[in-house]
Amino acid sequence: MSRSAFSAKVFAVYLFVLSPVLVFAPNFLLTMFGIAPTSEVWIRVVGVIAFNLGVYAWVAARHESTSFLEASVYTRGSVFCAFVVFALMGLASPMIVLFGMIDLCGGLWTWYALRADARAPVPALAAGPHPARRWPGNEKTAHEARSFR
């Protein structure tokens, strides 16, 4: 597993831990961080969305989807910026910035990991056969041979 995939799996685990708390006991978390309790459904909706984002991050890490991992760097940085603006405008408690910091730090970790992965040499055997290479005596490409069609 690459460094960037590992960082995404850690982020997914964070979301898998956070999301049930947001869905089933949101006020426990809110009061722990000095944010006013709520009876609104929106915090629970955020919990469901957080869980789904965790699934995306986990699957992207499992498949080494560098495109998704790169996009997650930008989106996690934007979460931090948005939370800072919300706090400065008085729309949310300044404590919300702590959650943004977690996203920012995770995004930076993934960014550095992607850079390290790009610099790391890939052993010839780890790279495997080229997907378009045809096998001797077989008219299918290696990719087509692995396909279920």
Protein backbone atom coordinates (compact mmCIF):
# COMPACT_ATOMS: atom_id res chain seq x y z
CA MET A 1 0.00 0.00 0.00
CA SER A 2 1.33 3.41 -0.93
CA ARG A 3 1.86 6.21 1.57
CA SER A 4 -0.99 8.22 0.08
CA ALA A 5 -3.38 5.26 0.21
CA PHE A 6 -2.49 4.72 3.86
CA SER A 7 -3.21 8.37 4.66
CA ALA A 8 -6.60 8.06 2.95
CA LYS A 9 -7.42 4.91 4.92
CA VAL A 10 -6.60 6.73 8.17
CA PHE A 11 -8.89 9.58 7.09
CA ALA A 12 -11.63 7.04 6.27
CA VAL A 13 -11.32 5.47 9.73
CA TYR A 14 -11.63 8.96 11.28
CA LEU A 15 -14.83 9.48 9.28
CA PHE A 16 -16.12 6.01 10.23
CA VAL A 17 -15.65 6.89 13.92
CA LEU A 18 -17.05 10.42 13.62
CA SER A 19 -20.11 9.65 11.50
CA PRO A 20 -22.02 7.36 13.92
CA VAL A 21 -21.47 9.89 16.70
CA LEU A 22 -22.92 12.62 14.49
CA VAL A 23 -25.89 10.42 13.56
CA PHE A 24 -26.72 8.87 16.95
CA ALA A 25 -25.29 11.23 19.59
CA PRO A 26 -24.54 14.59 17.95
CA ASN A 27 -25.06 16.66 21.09
CA PHE A 28 -22.45 14.64 22.97
CA LEU A 29 -19.84 15.69 20.43
CA LEU A 30 -21.11 19.26 20.10
CA THR A 31 -21.07 19.96 23.85
CA MET A 32 -17.64 18.33 24.20
CA PHE A 33 -16.31 20.98 21.81
CA GLY A 34 -18.26 23.86 23.31
CA ILE A 35 -20.79 24.05 20.48
CA ALA A 36 -24.44 24.58 21.38
CA PRO A 37 -26.57 21.42 21.33
CA THR A 38 -29.14 21.12 18.56
CA SER A 39 -32.34 19.27 17.79
CA GLU A 40 -32.03 19.98 14.05
CA VAL A 41 -31.63 17.00 11.73
CA TRP A 42 -28.80 18.61 9.73
CA ILE A 43 -26.01 17.46 12.03
CA ARG A 44 -27.22 13.89 11.51
CA VAL A 45 -27.33 14.45 7.75
CA VAL A 46 -23.70 15.55 7.96
CA GLY A 47 -22.96 12.27 9.75
CA VAL A 48 -24.43 10.26 6.90
CA ILE A 49 -22.46 12.30 4.35
CA ALA A 50 -19.27 11.86 6.42
CA PHE A 51 -19.78 8.09 6.41
CA ASN A 52 -20.23 8.08 2.63
CA LEU A 53 -17.08 10.17 2.18
CA GLY A 54 -15.27 7.64 4.34
CA VAL A 55 -16.40 4.85 2.02
CA TYR A 56 -15.14 6.82 -0.99
CA ALA A 57 -11.77 7.42 0.69
CA TRP A 58 -11.45 3.76 1.71
CA VAL A 59 -12.25 2.43 -1.77
CA ALA A 60 -10.00 5.00 -3.45
CA ALA A 61 -7.14 3.99 -1.14
CA ARG A 62 -7.78 0.30 -1.76
CA HIS A 63 -7.53 0.85 -5.51
CA GLU A 64 -4.68 3.36 -5.31
CA SER A 65 -6.82 5.96 -7.10
CA THR A 66 -4.36 8.83 -7.19
CA SER A 67 -6.87 11.07 -8.98
CA PHE A 68 -9.30 10.78 -6.08
CA LEU A 69 -6.52 11.14 -3.53
CA GLU A 70 -5.30 14.31 -5.23
CA ALA A 71 -8.83 15.73 -5.33
CA SER A 72 -9.20 14.97 -1.61
CA VAL A 73 -6.20 17.19 -0.89
CA TYR A 74 -7.99 20.18 -2.43
CA THR A 75 -11.36 19.46 -0.86
CA ARG A 76 -9.95 18.92 2.63
CA GLY A 77 -8.08 22.21 2.36
CA SER A 78 -11.26 23.96 1.28
CA VAL A 79 -13.11 22.55 4.32
CA PHE A 80 -10.61 24.28 6.58
CA CYS A 81 -11.01 27.59 4.71
CA ALA A 82 -14.81 27.37 4.83
CA PHE A 83 -14.84 26.60 8.55
CA VAL A 84 -12.56 29.55 9.28
CA VAL A 85 -14.88 31.84 7.30
CA PHE A 86 -17.94 30.44 9.12
CA ALA A 87 -16.29 31.15 12.48
CA LEU A 88 -15.16 34.67 11.46
CA MET A 89 -18.65 35.54 10.22
CA GLY A 90 -20.19 34.34 13.48
CA LEU A 91 -22.14 31.60 11.73
CA ALA A 92 -20.55 28.87 13.85
CA SER A 93 -18.56 28.47 17.02
CA PRO A 94 -14.82 29.04 16.57
CA MET A 95 -14.41 25.44 17.76
CA ILE A 96 -15.52 24.31 14.30
CA VAL A 97 -12.06 25.32 13.10
CA LEU A 98 -10.67 22.32 15.02
CA PHE A 99 -12.56 19.98 12.69
CA GLY A 100 -11.23 21.98 9.76
CA MET A 101 -7.70 21.57 11.14
CA ILE A 102 -8.13 17.79 11.12
CA ASP A 103 -9.13 17.96 7.45
CA LEU A 104 -6.29 20.34 6.61
CA CYS A 105 -3.66 18.19 8.35
CA GLY A 106 -5.01 15.04 6.68
CA GLY A 107 -4.97 16.77 3.30
CA LEU A 108 -1.40 17.94 3.80
CA TRP A 109 -0.37 14.43 4.85
CA THR A 110 -1.93 13.00 1.68
CA TRP A 111 -0.29 15.72 -0.45
CA TYR A 112 3.18 14.95 0.96
CA ALA A 113 2.50 11.22 0.60
CA LEU A 114 1.47 11.63 -3.05
CA ARG A 115 4.72 13.52 -3.70
CA ALA A 116 6.74 10.82 -1.93
CA ASP A 117 4.94 8.08 -3.86
CA ALA A 118 5.69 9.85 -7.15
CA ARG A 119 9.41 10.01 -6.31
CA ALA A 120 9.64 6.40 -5.14
CA PRO A 121 11.03 3.95 -7.71
CA VAL A 122 8.65 1.16 -8.72
CA PRO A 123 10.29 -2.25 -8.85
CA ALA A 124 9.83 -3.92 -12.25
CA LEU A 125 8.02 -6.94 -10.81
CA ALA A 126 5.68 -4.79 -8.71
CA ALA A 127 4.56 -2.92 -11.79
CA GLY A 128 3.31 -6.13 -13.39
CA PRO A 129 2.75 -6.69 -17.09
CA HIS A 130 1.70 -3.78 -19.24
CA PRO A 131 -2.11 -3.89 -19.54
CA ALA A 132 -2.03 -3.56 -23.34
CA ARG A 133 0.62 -6.27 -23.87
CA ARG A 134 -0.66 -9.32 -25.65
CA TRP A 135 0.23 -12.69 -24.25
CA PRO A 136 1.90 -15.23 -26.59
CA GLY A 137 -0.74 -17.45 -28.18
CA ASN A 138 -3.54 -15.23 -26.90
CA GLU A 139 -5.32 -12.60 -28.93
CA LYS A 140 -6.57 -10.82 -25.80
CA THR A 141 -4.68 -8.12 -23.96
CA ALA A 142 -3.81 -8.75 -20.33
CA HIS A 143 -6.60 -6.37 -19.31
CA GLU A 144 -9.15 -8.23 -21.43
CA ALA A 145 -7.98 -11.56 -20.03
CA ARG A 146 -8.70 -10.35 -16.47
CA SER A 147 -12.10 -8.99 -17.46
CA PHE A 148 -15.29 -10.86 -16.57
CA ARG A 149 -16.91 -10.14 -19.95
